[in-house]
Protein backbone atom coordinates (compact mmCIF):
# COMPACT_ATOMS: atom_id res chain seq x y z
CA MET A 1 33.75 58.20 105.24
CA GLN A 2 33.34 54.76 103.75
CA SER A 3 34.97 53.07 106.69
CA ARG A 4 32.52 54.76 109.08
CA THR A 5 29.59 53.59 106.98
CA LEU A 6 30.94 50.08 106.84
CA GLU A 7 31.52 50.12 110.59
CA ARG A 8 27.94 51.25 111.23
CA VAL A 9 26.57 48.52 108.98
CA ASN A 10 28.66 45.88 110.79
CA GLN A 11 27.49 47.14 114.14
CA SER A 12 23.85 47.24 113.13
CA LEU A 13 24.01 43.78 111.64
CA ASN A 14 26.36 42.47 114.28
CA VAL A 15 27.89 40.15 111.71
CA ALA A 16 30.48 38.74 114.09
CA ALA A 17 27.80 37.65 116.53
CA TRP A 18 25.87 35.90 113.80
CA GLN A 19 29.01 34.20 112.55
CA GLY A 20 29.69 32.91 116.05
CA ARG A 21 26.12 31.62 116.46
CA PHE A 22 26.18 29.96 113.07
CA SER A 23 29.51 28.22 113.62
CA ARG A 24 28.33 27.00 117.07
CA PHE A 25 25.14 25.66 115.45
CA ILE A 26 27.17 23.75 112.84
CA GLN A 27 29.42 22.24 115.51
CA GLU A 28 26.57 21.20 117.81
CA THR A 29 24.13 19.77 115.26
CA ASN A 30 23.95 16.09 114.38
CA TYR A 31 22.95 16.84 110.81
CA ARG A 32 25.68 16.34 108.26
CA PRO A 33 24.81 16.81 104.59
CA ARG A 34 25.78 14.10 102.18
CA TYR A 35 28.09 15.26 99.48
CA ALA A 36 28.00 13.68 96.06
CA ARG A 37 31.21 12.03 95.06
CA SER A 38 33.01 13.84 92.32
CA ARG A 39 33.44 10.60 90.37
CA PRO A 40 32.41 7.01 90.88
CA PRO A 41 34.92 4.49 92.16
CA ILE A 42 36.97 2.87 89.42
CA LYS A 43 36.34 -0.84 88.85
CA GLU A 44 38.41 -3.17 86.82
CA SER A 45 36.93 -3.51 83.33
CA ALA A 46 36.49 -7.31 83.51
CA GLU A 47 34.72 -7.04 86.85
CA GLN A 48 32.47 -4.28 85.52
CA GLU A 49 31.58 -6.26 82.38
CA GLN A 50 30.75 -9.30 84.48
CA SER A 51 28.46 -7.31 86.80
CA ASP A 52 26.69 -5.70 83.82
CA ALA A 53 26.19 -9.10 82.18
CA GLN A 54 24.69 -10.42 85.41
CA LYS A 55 22.23 -7.54 85.50
CA LEU A 56 20.94 -8.07 81.94
CA ILE A 57 17.77 -10.12 81.79
CA SER A 58 18.01 -13.16 79.52
CA LYS A 59 15.60 -13.98 76.72
CA ASP A 60 14.43 -17.15 78.45
CA VAL A 61 13.57 -15.32 81.67
CA LEU A 62 11.65 -12.63 79.79
CA ASN A 63 9.66 -15.13 77.74
CA ALA A 64 8.89 -17.30 80.75
CA HIS A 65 7.79 -14.51 83.10
CA TRP A 66 6.13 -11.93 80.81
CA GLY A 67 2.63 -13.20 81.63
CA ALA A 68 3.40 -13.16 85.36
CA PHE A 69 4.65 -9.59 85.00
CA ILE A 70 1.35 -8.50 83.44
CA GLU A 71 -0.54 -10.30 86.23
CA SER A 72 1.54 -8.50 88.87
CA LEU A 73 0.65 -5.17 87.28
CA GLU A 74 -3.01 -6.16 87.35
CA ASN A 75 -2.74 -7.07 91.03
CA GLN A 76 -1.26 -3.63 91.72
CA GLY A 77 -4.36 -2.03 90.21
CA LYS A 78 -2.70 -0.75 87.04
CA SER A 79 -5.53 -1.91 84.81
CA PHE A 80 -5.06 0.82 82.19
CA LEU A 81 -1.45 -0.19 81.68
CA VAL A 82 -2.39 -3.88 81.65
CA SER A 83 -5.16 -3.43 79.07
CA ASN A 84 -2.77 -1.58 76.77
CA LEU A 85 -0.08 -4.25 77.23
CA LYS A 86 -2.61 -6.94 76.32
CA MET A 87 -3.31 -5.11 73.06
CA CYS A 88 0.36 -5.49 72.16
CA GLU A 89 2.45 -8.56 71.55
CA VAL A 90 6.07 -9.28 72.30
CA GLU A 91 7.70 -9.20 68.89
CA ALA A 92 11.32 -9.77 69.81
CA VAL A 93 13.33 -10.43 72.91
CA GLN A 94 17.04 -9.85 72.95
CA ASP A 95 19.23 -9.82 76.02
CA GLY A 96 17.81 -7.09 78.17
CA LYS A 97 15.49 -5.67 75.48
CA ILE A 98 11.83 -6.28 74.70
CA VAL A 99 10.22 -5.03 71.50
CA LEU A 100 6.46 -4.62 71.94
CA LYS A 101 4.44 -4.36 68.74
CA CYS A 102 1.12 -2.57 69.12
CA ALA A 103 -1.70 -3.15 66.66
CA LYS A 104 -3.82 -0.29 68.02
CA LYS A 105 -2.70 3.32 67.78
CA PHE A 106 -4.37 4.21 71.09
CA SER A 107 -2.45 1.49 72.95
CA PHE A 108 0.80 2.60 71.33
CA GLU A 109 0.28 6.24 72.36
CA SER A 110 -0.83 5.27 75.87
CA LEU A 111 2.21 3.04 76.41
CA GLN A 112 4.47 5.80 75.09
CA THR A 113 3.15 8.20 77.73
CA GLU A 114 3.38 5.55 80.47
CA SER A 115 6.76 4.21 79.36
CA THR A 116 8.63 5.45 82.45
CA ASP A 117 6.16 3.73 84.79
CA LEU A 118 6.26 0.58 82.66
CA HIS A 119 10.06 0.56 82.67
CA LYS A 120 10.22 1.10 86.43
CA GLU A 121 7.77 -1.72 87.12
CA ALA A 122 9.57 -4.08 84.72
CA VAL A 123 12.96 -3.42 86.32
CA LYS A 124 11.44 -3.95 89.76
CA PHE A 125 9.76 -7.21 88.71
CA PHE A 126 12.62 -8.73 86.73
CA GLY A 127 15.38 -7.32 88.95
CA GLY A 128 17.89 -6.26 86.32
CA LEU A 129 18.65 -4.07 83.37
CA LEU A 130 15.79 -4.00 80.94
CA GLU A 131 14.90 -1.88 77.94
CA ILE A 132 11.41 -1.74 76.48
CA GLU A 133 10.89 -0.50 72.94
CA ILE A 134 7.32 0.13 71.84
CA VAL A 135 6.61 0.10 68.10
CA LEU A 136 3.42 0.63 66.12
CA ASP A 137 2.42 -2.03 63.61
CA LYS A 138 1.36 0.26 60.77
CA ALA A 139 0.06 -2.61 58.62
CA SER A 140 -2.35 -3.73 61.36
CA VAL A 141 -3.51 -0.18 61.97
CA ALA A 142 -4.21 0.37 58.26
CA GLU A 143 -6.07 -2.95 58.04
CA ALA A 144 -8.15 -2.11 61.11
CA MET A 145 -9.05 1.28 59.64
CA LYS A 146 -10.34 -0.44 56.47
CA SER A 147 -12.32 -3.09 58.31
CA GLU A 148 -13.99 -0.82 60.90
CA LYS A 149 -17.64 -0.11 60.29
CA SER A 150 -19.10 3.38 60.23
CA ALA A 151 -21.65 4.54 62.80
CA ALA A 152 -24.49 4.19 60.29
CA GLU A 153 -23.48 0.60 59.50
CA LEU A 154 -23.25 -0.26 63.21
CA PHE A 155 -26.71 1.20 63.93
CA LYS A 156 -28.26 -0.60 60.93
CA GLU A 157 -26.75 -3.91 62.07
CA LEU A 158 -27.93 -3.26 65.63
CA SER A 159 -31.48 -2.49 64.47
CA GLU A 160 -31.56 -5.80 62.62
CA THR A 161 -30.14 -7.96 65.42
CA ASN A 162 -31.11 -6.42 68.76
CA PRO A 163 -34.61 -7.59 69.83
CA VAL A 164 -35.40 -4.48 71.88
CA ILE A 165 -34.58 -2.11 69.04
CA LYS A 166 -36.46 -4.36 66.58
CA TYR A 167 -39.53 -4.21 68.86
CA LEU A 168 -39.35 -0.40 69.09
CA ILE A 169 -39.10 -0.10 65.31
CA GLU A 170 -41.93 -2.55 64.59
CA HIS A 171 -44.42 -1.40 67.22
CA PHE A 172 -43.66 2.31 67.56
CA GLY A 173 -42.13 3.18 64.21
CA ALA A 174 -38.85 4.29 65.85
CA GLU A 175 -35.84 4.97 63.71
CA PRO A 176 -32.28 5.07 65.03
CA LEU A 177 -30.48 8.36 64.46
CA TYR A 178 -27.11 7.93 62.81
């Protein structure tokens, strides 16, 4: 009983015909998928260390070309990334690693979210292995929080220095809302 059912299914599907068509398609097509190698080719350790050392960016190159890198980002229209990079300073440069110290929390968070794009652009510009570490300067952030003026203080200062606002207050009795 089962063999009859299986035979009917094979006939209705005509599996053999499909197998023949599929194998003919594979033989006649120009498309050949690329298969990933199971493991990378083995290099001698000295040769591998030498090639890795060549790919690391030196401290001198990073220091000399950091400004040009920021300019190239600006020329590409990445002004948000550039403005955040300008709010940070290069704290340390070691072979292949830059430590950026951000004084503003917003710049730090923005660079953290854009770190993959920043890394990709830096590797493309410098042409080698490069690591970028972004750190927040907590002392600068705390100092900035203390020195920032409140909205009321800013409006009071503006009403005393801005001639248009002074005119409105003197002649019309206007008062700025805080």
